[in-house]
mmCIF file of all heavy atoms, coordinates in Angstrom:
data_MODEL
# 
_entry.id   MODEL 
# 
loop_
_atom_site.group_PDB 
_atom_site.id 
_atom_site.type_symbol 
_atom_site.label_atom_id 
_atom_site.label_alt_id 
_atom_site.label_comp_id 
_atom_site.label_asym_id 
_atom_site.label_entity_id 
_atom_site.label_seq_id 
_atom_site.pdbx_PDB_ins_code 
_atom_site.Cartn_x 
_atom_site.Cartn_y 
_atom_site.Cartn_z 
_atom_site.occupancy 
_atom_site.B_iso_or_equiv 
_atom_site.pdbx_formal_charge 
_atom_site.auth_seq_id 
_atom_site.auth_comp_id 
_atom_site.auth_asym_id 
_atom_site.auth_atom_id 
_atom_site.pdbx_PDB_model_num 
ATOM 1   N N   . ALA A 1 1  ? 110.397 46.183 140.673 1.00 0.00 ? 1  ALA A N   1 
ATOM 2   C CA  . ALA A 1 1  ? 110.254 47.535 141.226 1.00 0.00 ? 1  ALA A CA  1 
ATOM 3   C C   . ALA A 1 1  ? 108.732 47.858 141.205 1.00 0.00 ? 1  ALA A C   1 
ATOM 4   O O   . ALA A 1 1  ? 108.015 47.668 140.269 1.00 0.00 ? 1  ALA A O   1 
ATOM 5   C CB  . ALA A 1 1  ? 111.002 48.506 140.311 1.00 0.00 ? 1  ALA A CB  1 
ATOM 6   N N   . SER A 1 2  ? 108.269 48.410 142.348 1.00 0.00 ? 2  SER A N   1 
ATOM 7   C CA  . SER A 1 2  ? 106.876 48.724 142.508 1.00 0.00 ? 2  SER A CA  1 
ATOM 8   C C   . SER A 1 2  ? 106.585 49.969 141.672 1.00 0.00 ? 2  SER A C   1 
ATOM 9   O O   . SER A 1 2  ? 107.265 50.937 141.680 1.00 0.00 ? 2  SER A O   1 
ATOM 10  C CB  . SER A 1 2  ? 106.631 49.012 143.966 1.00 0.00 ? 2  SER A CB  1 
ATOM 11  O OG  . SER A 1 2  ? 105.303 49.394 144.153 1.00 0.00 ? 2  SER A OG  1 
ATOM 12  N N   . VAL A 1 3  ? 105.458 49.878 140.964 1.00 0.00 ? 3  VAL A N   1 
ATOM 13  C CA  . VAL A 1 3  ? 105.024 50.984 140.180 1.00 0.00 ? 3  VAL A CA  1 
ATOM 14  C C   . VAL A 1 3  ? 104.247 51.929 141.063 1.00 0.00 ? 3  VAL A C   1 
ATOM 15  O O   . VAL A 1 3  ? 103.192 51.466 141.653 1.00 0.00 ? 3  VAL A O   1 
ATOM 16  C CB  . VAL A 1 3  ? 104.105 50.546 139.013 1.00 0.00 ? 3  VAL A CB  1 
ATOM 17  C CG1 . VAL A 1 3  ? 103.602 51.755 138.249 1.00 0.00 ? 3  VAL A CG1 1 
ATOM 18  C CG2 . VAL A 1 3  ? 104.855 49.588 138.092 1.00 0.00 ? 3  VAL A CG2 1 
ATOM 19  N N   . GLY A 1 4  ? 104.665 53.071 141.322 1.00 0.00 ? 4  GLY A N   1 
ATOM 20  C CA  . GLY A 1 4  ? 103.973 54.012 142.258 1.00 0.00 ? 4  GLY A CA  1 
ATOM 21  C C   . GLY A 1 4  ? 102.698 54.401 141.705 1.00 0.00 ? 4  GLY A C   1 
ATOM 22  O O   . GLY A 1 4  ? 102.503 54.665 140.453 1.00 0.00 ? 4  GLY A O   1 
ATOM 23  N N   . ALA A 1 5  ? 101.655 54.443 142.527 1.00 0.00 ? 5  ALA A N   1 
ATOM 24  C CA  . ALA A 1 5  ? 100.335 54.871 142.092 1.00 0.00 ? 5  ALA A CA  1 
ATOM 25  C C   . ALA A 1 5  ? 100.355 56.351 141.771 1.00 0.00 ? 5  ALA A C   1 
ATOM 26  O O   . ALA A 1 5  ? 100.852 57.109 142.547 1.00 0.00 ? 5  ALA A O   1 
ATOM 27  C CB  . ALA A 1 5  ? 99.299  54.601 143.177 1.00 0.00 ? 5  ALA A CB  1 
ATOM 28  N N   . VAL A 1 6  ? 99.870  56.709 140.606 1.00 0.00 ? 6  VAL A N   1 
ATOM 29  C CA  . VAL A 1 6  ? 99.809  58.057 140.211 1.00 0.00 ? 6  VAL A CA  1 
ATOM 30  C C   . VAL A 1 6  ? 98.626  58.691 140.872 1.00 0.00 ? 6  VAL A C   1 
ATOM 31  O O   . VAL A 1 6  ? 97.472  58.321 140.665 1.00 0.00 ? 6  VAL A O   1 
ATOM 32  C CB  . VAL A 1 6  ? 99.721  58.168 138.731 1.00 0.00 ? 6  VAL A CB  1 
ATOM 33  C CG1 . VAL A 1 6  ? 99.626  59.644 138.300 1.00 0.00 ? 6  VAL A CG1 1 
ATOM 34  C CG2 . VAL A 1 6  ? 100.889 57.555 138.031 1.00 0.00 ? 6  VAL A CG2 1 
ATOM 35  N N   . LYS A 1 7  ? 98.857  59.672 141.727 1.00 0.00 ? 7  LYS A N   1 
ATOM 36  C CA  . LYS A 1 7  ? 97.779  60.328 142.450 1.00 0.00 ? 7  LYS A CA  1 
ATOM 37  C C   . LYS A 1 7  ? 97.311  61.495 141.647 1.00 0.00 ? 7  LYS A C   1 
ATOM 38  O O   . LYS A 1 7  ? 98.105  62.317 141.181 1.00 0.00 ? 7  LYS A O   1 
ATOM 39  C CB  . LYS A 1 7  ? 98.264  60.775 143.899 1.00 0.00 ? 7  LYS A CB  1 
ATOM 40  C CG  . LYS A 1 7  ? 98.528  59.658 144.787 1.00 0.00 ? 7  LYS A CG  1 
ATOM 41  C CD  . LYS A 1 7  ? 98.817  60.134 146.172 1.00 0.00 ? 7  LYS A CD  1 
ATOM 42  C CE  . LYS A 1 7  ? 99.036  58.988 147.134 1.00 0.00 ? 7  LYS A CE  1 
ATOM 43  N NZ  . LYS A 1 7  ? 99.198  59.445 148.498 1.00 0.00 ? 7  LYS A NZ  1 
ATOM 44  N N   . LYS A 1 8  ? 96.006  61.581 141.555 1.00 0.00 ? 8  LYS A N   1 
ATOM 45  C CA  . LYS A 1 8  ? 95.402  62.732 140.863 1.00 0.00 ? 8  LYS A CA  1 
ATOM 46  C C   . LYS A 1 8  ? 95.311  63.878 141.850 1.00 0.00 ? 8  LYS A C   1 
ATOM 47  O O   . LYS A 1 8  ? 94.947  63.633 143.039 1.00 0.00 ? 8  LYS A O   1 
ATOM 48  C CB  . LYS A 1 8  ? 94.024  62.359 140.305 1.00 0.00 ? 8  LYS A CB  1 
ATOM 49  C CG  . LYS A 1 8  ? 94.049  61.331 139.210 1.00 0.00 ? 8  LYS A CG  1 
ATOM 50  C CD  . LYS A 1 8  ? 92.670  61.052 138.725 1.00 0.00 ? 8  LYS A CD  1 
ATOM 51  C CE  . LYS A 1 8  ? 92.647  59.998 137.684 1.00 0.00 ? 8  LYS A CE  1 
ATOM 52  N NZ  . LYS A 1 8  ? 91.312  59.681 137.224 1.00 0.00 ? 8  LYS A NZ  1 
ATOM 53  N N   . PRO A 1 9  ? 95.476  65.079 141.443 1.00 0.00 ? 9  PRO A N   1 
ATOM 54  C CA  . PRO A 1 9  ? 95.362  66.200 142.426 1.00 0.00 ? 9  PRO A CA  1 
ATOM 55  C C   . PRO A 1 9  ? 93.866  66.302 142.817 1.00 0.00 ? 9  PRO A C   1 
ATOM 56  O O   . PRO A 1 9  ? 92.994  66.069 141.993 1.00 0.00 ? 9  PRO A O   1 
ATOM 57  C CB  . PRO A 1 9  ? 95.814  67.416 141.640 1.00 0.00 ? 9  PRO A CB  1 
ATOM 58  C CG  . PRO A 1 9  ? 95.798  67.014 140.186 1.00 0.00 ? 9  PRO A CG  1 
ATOM 59  C CD  . PRO A 1 9  ? 95.935  65.513 140.139 1.00 0.00 ? 9  PRO A CD  1 
ATOM 60  N N   . LYS A 1 10 ? 93.673  66.592 144.081 1.00 0.00 ? 10 LYS A N   1 
ATOM 61  C CA  . LYS A 1 10 ? 92.285  66.704 144.575 1.00 0.00 ? 10 LYS A CA  1 
ATOM 62  C C   . LYS A 1 10 ? 91.636  67.979 143.966 1.00 0.00 ? 10 LYS A C   1 
ATOM 63  O O   . LYS A 1 10 ? 92.283  69.018 143.963 1.00 0.00 ? 10 LYS A O   1 
ATOM 64  C CB  . LYS A 1 10 ? 92.249  66.719 146.084 1.00 0.00 ? 10 LYS A CB  1 
ATOM 65  C CG  . LYS A 1 10 ? 92.662  65.385 146.718 1.00 0.00 ? 10 LYS A CG  1 
ATOM 66  C CD  . LYS A 1 10 ? 92.469  65.432 148.188 1.00 0.00 ? 10 LYS A CD  1 
ATOM 67  C CE  . LYS A 1 10 ? 92.774  64.107 148.818 1.00 0.00 ? 10 LYS A CE  1 
ATOM 68  N NZ  . LYS A 1 10 ? 92.537  64.097 150.219 1.00 0.00 ? 10 LYS A NZ  1 
ATOM 69  N N   . LYS A 1 11 ? 90.393  67.872 143.639 1.00 0.00 ? 11 LYS A N   1 
ATOM 70  C CA  . LYS A 1 11 ? 89.682  69.010 143.134 1.00 0.00 ? 11 LYS A CA  1 
ATOM 71  C C   . LYS A 1 11 ? 88.997  69.691 144.297 1.00 0.00 ? 11 LYS A C   1 
ATOM 72  O O   . LYS A 1 11 ? 88.512  69.073 145.211 1.00 0.00 ? 11 LYS A O   1 
ATOM 73  C CB  . LYS A 1 11 ? 88.621  68.595 142.090 1.00 0.00 ? 11 LYS A CB  1 
ATOM 74  C CG  . LYS A 1 11 ? 89.262  68.012 140.855 1.00 0.00 ? 11 LYS A CG  1 
ATOM 75  C CD  . LYS A 1 11 ? 88.155  67.642 139.839 1.00 0.00 ? 11 LYS A CD  1 
ATOM 76  C CE  . LYS A 1 11 ? 88.723  67.055 138.641 1.00 0.00 ? 11 LYS A CE  1 
ATOM 77  N NZ  . LYS A 1 11 ? 87.732  66.608 137.645 1.00 0.00 ? 11 LYS A NZ  1 
ATOM 78  N N   . ALA A 1 12 ? 88.938  71.000 144.312 1.00 0.00 ? 12 ALA A N   1 
ATOM 79  C CA  . ALA A 1 12 ? 88.290  71.744 145.344 1.00 0.00 ? 12 ALA A CA  1 
ATOM 80  C C   . ALA A 1 12 ? 86.789  71.570 145.182 1.00 0.00 ? 12 ALA A C   1 
ATOM 81  O O   . ALA A 1 12 ? 86.314  71.569 144.047 1.00 0.00 ? 12 ALA A O   1 
ATOM 82  C CB  . ALA A 1 12 ? 88.680  73.184 145.282 1.00 0.00 ? 12 ALA A CB  1 
ATOM 83  N N   . ALA A 1 13 ? 86.097  71.458 146.288 1.00 0.00 ? 13 ALA A N   1 
ATOM 84  C CA  . ALA A 1 13 ? 84.667  71.306 146.282 1.00 0.00 ? 13 ALA A CA  1 
ATOM 85  C C   . ALA A 1 13 ? 84.049  72.654 145.824 1.00 0.00 ? 13 ALA A C   1 
ATOM 86  O O   . ALA A 1 13 ? 84.521  73.743 146.272 1.00 0.00 ? 13 ALA A O   1 
ATOM 87  C CB  . ALA A 1 13 ? 84.117  70.915 147.594 1.00 0.00 ? 13 ALA A CB  1 
ATOM 88  N N   . SER A 1 14 ? 83.007  72.595 145.011 1.00 0.00 ? 14 SER A N   1 
ATOM 89  C CA  . SER A 1 14 ? 82.431  73.890 144.594 1.00 0.00 ? 14 SER A CA  1 
ATOM 90  C C   . SER A 1 14 ? 81.549  74.381 145.697 1.00 0.00 ? 14 SER A C   1 
ATOM 91  O O   . SER A 1 14 ? 80.812  73.683 146.370 1.00 0.00 ? 14 SER A O   1 
ATOM 92  C CB  . SER A 1 14 ? 81.608  73.648 143.332 1.00 0.00 ? 14 SER A CB  1 
ATOM 93  O OG  . SER A 1 14 ? 80.445  72.817 143.607 1.00 0.00 ? 14 SER A OG  1 
ATOM 94  N N   . SER A 1 15 ? 81.682  75.698 145.902 1.00 0.00 ? 15 SER A N   1 
ATOM 95  C CA  . SER A 1 15 ? 80.879  76.292 146.967 1.00 0.00 ? 15 SER A CA  1 
ATOM 96  C C   . SER A 1 15 ? 79.610  76.962 146.494 1.00 0.00 ? 15 SER A C   1 
ATOM 97  O O   . SER A 1 15 ? 78.898  77.602 147.214 1.00 0.00 ? 15 SER A O   1 
ATOM 98  C CB  . SER A 1 15 ? 81.786  77.379 147.708 1.00 0.00 ? 15 SER A CB  1 
ATOM 99  O OG  . SER A 1 15 ? 82.144  78.365 146.776 1.00 0.00 ? 15 SER A OG  1 
ATOM 100 N N   . GLY A 1 16 ? 79.324  76.727 145.236 1.00 0.00 ? 16 GLY A N   1 
ATOM 101 C CA  . GLY A 1 16 ? 78.132  77.332 144.642 1.00 0.00 ? 16 GLY A CA  1 
ATOM 102 C C   . GLY A 1 16 ? 76.918  76.611 145.129 1.00 0.00 ? 16 GLY A C   1 
ATOM 103 O O   . GLY A 1 16 ? 76.960  75.542 145.705 1.00 0.00 ? 16 GLY A O   1 
ATOM 104 N N   . GLY A 1 17 ? 75.774  77.176 144.894 1.00 0.00 ? 17 GLY A N   1 
ATOM 105 C CA  . GLY A 1 17 ? 74.522  76.588 145.326 1.00 0.00 ? 17 GLY A CA  1 
ATOM 106 C C   . GLY A 1 17 ? 74.085  75.434 144.455 1.00 0.00 ? 17 GLY A C   1 
ATOM 107 O O   . GLY A 1 17 ? 74.711  75.057 143.489 1.00 0.00 ? 17 GLY A O   1 
ATOM 108 N N   . GLY A 1 18 ? 73.078  74.762 144.834 1.00 0.00 ? 18 GLY A N   1 
ATOM 109 C CA  . GLY A 1 18 ? 72.473  73.687 144.044 1.00 0.00 ? 18 GLY A CA  1 
ATOM 110 C C   . GLY A 1 18 ? 73.382  72.459 144.111 1.00 0.00 ? 18 GLY A C   1 
ATOM 111 O O   . GLY A 1 18 ? 74.186  72.278 145.021 1.00 0.00 ? 18 GLY A O   1 
ATOM 112 N N   . GLY A 1 19 ? 73.299  71.709 143.058 1.00 0.00 ? 19 GLY A N   1 
ATOM 113 C CA  . GLY A 1 19 ? 74.108  70.425 143.016 1.00 0.00 ? 19 GLY A CA  1 
ATOM 114 C C   . GLY A 1 19 ? 75.440  70.660 142.436 1.00 0.00 ? 19 GLY A C   1 
ATOM 115 O O   . GLY A 1 19 ? 75.652  71.423 141.490 1.00 0.00 ? 19 GLY A O   1 
ATOM 116 N N   . ALA A 1 20 ? 76.411  70.063 143.032 1.00 0.00 ? 20 ALA A N   1 
ATOM 117 C CA  . ALA A 1 20 ? 77.788  70.163 142.578 1.00 0.00 ? 20 ALA A CA  1 
ATOM 118 C C   . ALA A 1 20 ? 77.919  69.227 141.357 1.00 0.00 ? 20 ALA A C   1 
ATOM 119 O O   . ALA A 1 20 ? 77.230  68.214 141.254 1.00 0.00 ? 20 ALA A O   1 
ATOM 120 C CB  . ALA A 1 20 ? 78.732  69.762 143.677 1.00 0.00 ? 20 ALA A CB  1 
ATOM 121 N N   . PRO A 1 21 ? 78.783  69.524 140.432 1.00 0.00 ? 21 PRO A N   1 
ATOM 122 C CA  . PRO A 1 21 ? 78.982  68.664 139.335 1.00 0.00 ? 21 PRO A CA  1 
ATOM 123 C C   . PRO A 1 21 ? 79.439  67.327 139.766 1.00 0.00 ? 21 PRO A C   1 
ATOM 124 O O   . PRO A 1 21 ? 80.167  67.154 140.732 1.00 0.00 ? 21 PRO A O   1 
ATOM 125 C CB  . PRO A 1 21 ? 80.058  69.331 138.466 1.00 0.00 ? 21 PRO A CB  1 
ATOM 126 C CG  . PRO A 1 21 ? 80.673  70.359 139.316 1.00 0.00 ? 21 PRO A CG  1 
ATOM 127 C CD  . PRO A 1 21 ? 79.679  70.698 140.378 1.00 0.00 ? 21 PRO A CD  1 
ATOM 128 N N   . ALA A 1 22 ? 78.951  66.265 139.108 1.00 0.00 ? 22 ALA A N   1 
ATOM 129 C CA  . ALA A 1 22 ? 79.333  64.882 139.457 1.00 0.00 ? 22 ALA A CA  1 
ATOM 130 C C   . ALA A 1 22 ? 80.805  64.641 139.341 1.00 0.00 ? 22 ALA A C   1 
ATOM 131 O O   . ALA A 1 22 ? 81.451  65.115 138.409 1.00 0.00 ? 22 ALA A O   1 
ATOM 132 C CB  . ALA A 1 22 ? 78.555  63.895 138.575 1.00 0.00 ? 22 ALA A CB  1 
ATOM 133 N N   . ALA A 1 23 ? 81.412  63.982 140.343 1.00 0.00 ? 23 ALA A N   1 
ATOM 134 C CA  . ALA A 1 23 ? 82.794  63.683 140.321 1.00 0.00 ? 23 ALA A CA  1 
ATOM 135 C C   . ALA A 1 23 ? 83.049  62.616 139.284 1.00 0.00 ? 23 ALA A C   1 
ATOM 136 O O   . ALA A 1 23 ? 82.196  61.832 138.920 1.00 0.00 ? 23 ALA A O   1 
ATOM 137 C CB  . ALA A 1 23 ? 83.271  63.178 141.725 1.00 0.00 ? 23 ALA A CB  1 
ATOM 138 N N   . GLU A 1 24 ? 84.329  62.560 138.811 1.00 0.00 ? 24 GLU A N   1 
ATOM 139 C CA  . GLU A 1 24 ? 84.698  61.554 137.778 1.00 0.00 ? 24 GLU A CA  1 
ATOM 140 C C   . GLU A 1 24 ? 84.453  60.165 138.324 1.00 0.00 ? 24 GLU A C   1 
ATOM 141 O O   . GLU A 1 24 ? 84.731  59.821 139.444 1.00 0.00 ? 24 GLU A O   1 
ATOM 142 C CB  . GLU A 1 24 ? 86.172  61.688 137.521 1.00 0.00 ? 24 GLU A CB  1 
ATOM 143 C CG  . GLU A 1 24 ? 86.452  62.583 136.369 1.00 0.00 ? 24 GLU A CG  1 
ATOM 144 C CD  . GLU A 1 24 ? 87.943  62.593 135.998 1.00 0.00 ? 24 GLU A CD  1 
ATOM 145 O OE1 . GLU A 1 24 ? 88.564  61.478 135.868 1.00 0.00 ? 24 GLU A OE1 1 
ATOM 146 O OE2 . GLU A 1 24 ? 88.502  63.676 135.912 1.00 0.00 ? 24 GLU A OE2 1 
# 
């Protein structure tokens, strides 16, 4: 039986100024 890939929920992009926090 194939083990389904567990999808992580997408994080919304930050709309704040400057640099966005680094993605995991």
